[in-house]
Amino acid sequence: MAIPKKGSRPITVDGVDYRWSVRRKPTYSQGICQAHLSVAVVLGHTPGSVAVLRMPHAHPGNWMGAPATAVRPAAVAHGIRSALRQGWKPDTPGRPFLIDLASAP
């Protein structure tokens, strides 16, 4: 699975190029603040699996007026490293790899 290049941002973590993106419109659960913001990450040029990073804050487009925090590249890099430590293989096709950063200290 891949994410569109348009709207995605490049990031290099430990010498490896990745692309990441945030869904432009919130899902229904994100809109009513029942689900946290998710960030999708893939390898920069090689197709493979997607890591879905669940961030610890609300989607900026939520409908409830909940405060939202901008997603920083440092937080995405932290999530990529966490995913790799937990067994994400970005160059191997497969199901999305879910990482819950929302419950991390």
C-alpha atoms as a PDB file:
ATOM      1  CA  MET A   1       0.000   0.000   0.000  1.00  0.00           C
ATOM      2  CA  ALA A   2       1.192   3.527  -0.639  1.00  0.00           C
ATOM      3  CA  ILE A   3       0.317   7.071   0.229  1.00  0.00           C
ATOM      4  CA  PRO A   4      -0.012   9.734  -2.469  1.00  0.00           C
ATOM      5  CA  LYS A   5       3.148  11.738  -3.117  1.00  0.00           C
ATOM      6  CA  LYS A   6       1.094  14.896  -3.405  1.00  0.00           C
ATOM      7  CA  GLY A   7       0.576  16.249   0.079  1.00  0.00           C
ATOM      8  CA  SER A   8       3.131  13.975   1.723  1.00  0.00           C
ATOM      9  CA  ARG A   9       6.294  15.252   3.345  1.00  0.00           C
ATOM     10  CA  PRO A  10       9.768  13.755   3.119  1.00  0.00           C
ATOM     11  CA  ILE A  11      11.747  12.850   6.220  1.00  0.00           C
ATOM     12  CA  THR A  12      15.096  11.122   6.664  1.00  0.00           C
ATOM     13  CA  VAL A  13      15.548   8.981   9.756  1.00  0.00           C
ATOM     14  CA  ASP A  14      18.917   7.330  10.426  1.00  0.00           C
ATOM     15  CA  GLY A  15      19.913   7.756   6.769  1.00  0.00           C
ATOM     16  CA  VAL A  16      16.730   6.242   5.302  1.00  0.00           C
ATOM     17  CA  ASP A  17      14.212   8.333   3.330  1.00  0.00           C
ATOM     18  CA  TYR A  18      10.525   8.098   4.237  1.00  0.00           C
ATOM     19  CA  ARG A  19       7.366  10.023   3.358  1.00  0.00           C
ATOM     20  CA  TRP A  20       4.610  10.869   5.823  1.00  0.00           C
ATOM     21  CA  SER A  21       1.189  12.460   5.623  1.00  0.00           C
ATOM     22  CA  VAL A  22      -1.806  13.405   7.704  1.00  0.00           C
ATOM     23  CA  ARG A  23      -5.294  12.850   6.369  1.00  0.00           C
ATOM     24  CA  ARG A  24      -6.635  16.221   5.240  1.00  0.00           C
ATOM     25  CA  LYS A  25     -10.170  15.701   6.554  1.00  0.00           C
ATOM     26  CA  PRO A  26     -10.774  13.924   9.853  1.00  0.00           C
ATOM     27  CA  THR A  27     -12.550  10.597   9.939  1.00  0.00           C
ATOM     28  CA  TYR A  28     -15.878  10.652  11.749  1.00  0.00           C
ATOM     29  CA  SER A  29     -14.250   9.305  14.939  1.00  0.00           C
ATOM     30  CA  GLN A  30     -11.489  11.914  14.730  1.00  0.00           C
ATOM     31  CA  GLY A  31     -14.046  14.646  14.027  1.00  0.00           C
ATOM     32  CA  ILE A  32     -15.954  13.939  17.230  1.00  0.00           C
ATOM     33  CA  CYS A  33     -12.712  13.411  19.209  1.00  0.00           C
ATOM     34  CA  GLN A  34     -13.210   9.696  19.834  1.00  0.00           C
ATOM     35  CA  ALA A  35     -10.013   8.852  17.938  1.00  0.00           C
ATOM     36  CA  HIS A  36      -6.628  10.518  17.917  1.00  0.00           C
ATOM     37  CA  LEU A  37      -4.779  11.954  14.933  1.00  0.00           C
ATOM     38  CA  SER A  38      -3.083   9.349  12.714  1.00  0.00           C
ATOM     39  CA  VAL A  39       0.027   9.804  10.567  1.00  0.00           C
ATOM     40  CA  ALA A  40       0.810   7.431   7.678  1.00  0.00           C
ATOM     41  CA  VAL A  41       4.485   6.671   6.934  1.00  0.00           C
ATOM     42  CA  VAL A  42       6.041   4.761   4.006  1.00  0.00           C
ATOM     43  CA  LEU A  43       9.510   4.318   2.561  1.00  0.00           C
ATOM     44  CA  GLY A  44      10.495   7.164   0.288  1.00  0.00           C
ATOM     45  CA  HIS A  45      10.832   5.356  -3.052  1.00  0.00           C
ATOM     46  CA  THR A  46      10.212   1.645  -2.482  1.00  0.00           C
ATOM     47  CA  PRO A  47       6.700   0.266  -2.158  1.00  0.00           C
ATOM     48  CA  GLY A  48       6.060  -1.694   1.013  1.00  0.00           C
ATOM     49  CA  SER A  49       3.926  -1.573   4.119  1.00  0.00           C
ATOM     50  CA  VAL A  50       2.540   1.520   5.810  1.00  0.00           C
ATOM     51  CA  ALA A  51       3.159   2.437   9.436  1.00  0.00           C
ATOM     52  CA  VAL A  52       0.197   4.214  11.018  1.00  0.00           C
ATOM     53  CA  LEU A  53       1.311   6.355  13.943  1.00  0.00           C
ATOM     54  CA  ARG A  54      -1.494   7.209  16.357  1.00  0.00           C
ATOM     55  CA  MET A  55      -0.493  10.549  17.850  1.00  0.00           C
ATOM     56  CA  PRO A  56      -1.468  11.775  21.354  1.00  0.00           C
ATOM     57  CA  HIS A  57      -3.618  14.705  20.242  1.00  0.00           C
ATOM     58  CA  ALA A  58      -6.760  15.551  18.295  1.00  0.00           C
ATOM     59  CA  HIS A  59      -7.004  16.029  14.537  1.00  0.00           C
ATOM     60  CA  PRO A  60      -6.713  19.757  13.682  1.00  0.00           C
ATOM     61  CA  GLY A  61      -9.973  19.568  11.738  1.00  0.00           C
ATOM     62  CA  ASN A  62     -12.051  18.111  14.570  1.00  0.00           C
ATOM     63  CA  TRP A  63     -15.604  19.386  14.872  1.00  0.00           C
ATOM     64  CA  MET A  64     -15.648  19.731  18.650  1.00  0.00           C
ATOM     65  CA  GLY A  65     -13.212  22.618  18.923  1.00  0.00           C
ATOM     66  CA  ALA A  66     -10.697  20.505  20.839  1.00  0.00           C
ATOM     67  CA  PRO A  67      -7.186  21.949  20.871  1.00  0.00           C
ATOM     68  CA  ALA A  68      -4.871  20.375  18.326  1.00  0.00           C
ATOM     69  CA  THR A  69      -1.095  20.363  18.178  1.00  0.00           C
ATOM     70  CA  ALA A  70       0.926  20.534  14.973  1.00  0.00           C
ATOM     71  CA  VAL A  71       2.675  17.312  14.001  1.00  0.00           C
ATOM     72  CA  ARG A  72       6.399  17.936  14.245  1.00  0.00           C
ATOM     73  CA  PRO A  73       8.970  16.033  12.182  1.00  0.00           C
ATOM     74  CA  ALA A  74      10.725  15.046  15.434  1.00  0.00           C
ATOM     75  CA  ALA A  75       7.535  13.286  16.598  1.00  0.00           C
ATOM     76  CA  VAL A  76       7.265  11.468  13.262  1.00  0.00           C
ATOM     77  CA  ALA A  77      10.937  10.417  13.485  1.00  0.00           C
ATOM     78  CA  HIS A  78      10.312   9.122  17.029  1.00  0.00           C
ATOM     79  CA  GLY A  79       7.309   7.147  15.736  1.00  0.00           C
ATOM     80  CA  ILE A  80       9.325   5.665  12.863  1.00  0.00           C
ATOM     81  CA  ARG A  81      12.064   4.529  15.244  1.00  0.00           C
ATOM     82  CA  SER A  82       9.440   3.025  17.576  1.00  0.00           C
ATOM     83  CA  ALA A  83       7.817   1.186  14.675  1.00  0.00           C
ATOM     84  CA  LEU A  84      11.157  -0.223  13.519  1.00  0.00           C
ATOM     85  CA  ARG A  85      11.996  -1.386  17.072  1.00  0.00           C
ATOM     86  CA  GLN A  86       8.609  -3.112  17.294  1.00  0.00           C
ATOM     87  CA  GLY A  87       9.123  -5.010  14.053  1.00  0.00           C
ATOM     88  CA  TRP A  88       7.857  -2.837  11.191  1.00  0.00           C
ATOM     89  CA  LYS A  89       9.424  -3.938   7.903  1.00  0.00           C
ATOM     90  CA  PRO A  90       8.854  -0.910   5.618  1.00  0.00           C
ATOM     91  CA  ASP A  91      10.207  -2.627   2.491  1.00  0.00           C
ATOM     92  CA  THR A  92       7.971  -5.699   2.834  1.00  0.00           C
ATOM     93  CA  PRO A  93       4.386  -5.479   1.525  1.00  0.00           C
ATOM     94  CA  GLY A  94       1.743  -6.259   4.067  1.00  0.00           C
ATOM     95  CA  ARG A  95      -0.936  -4.948   6.363  1.00  0.00           C
ATOM     96  CA  PRO A  96      -0.599  -1.507   7.936  1.00  0.00           C
ATOM     97  CA  PHE A  97       1.608  -1.565  11.030  1.00  0.00           C
ATOM     98  CA  LEU A  98      -0.125   0.273  13.871  1.00  0.00           C
ATOM     99  CA  ILE A  99       1.901   2.173  16.480  1.00  0.00           C
ATOM    100  CA  ASP A 100       0.082   3.775  19.404  1.00  0.00           C
ATOM    101  CA  LEU A 101       2.054   6.842  20.490  1.00  0.00           C
ATOM    102  CA  ALA A 102      -1.053   8.239  22.209  1.00  0.00           C
ATOM    103  CA  SER A 103      -0.615   6.021  25.248  1.00  0.00           C
ATOM    104  CA  ALA A 104       3.187   6.349  25.417  1.00  0.00           C
ATOM    105  CA  PRO A 105       4.588   8.482  28.273  1.00  0.00           C
END
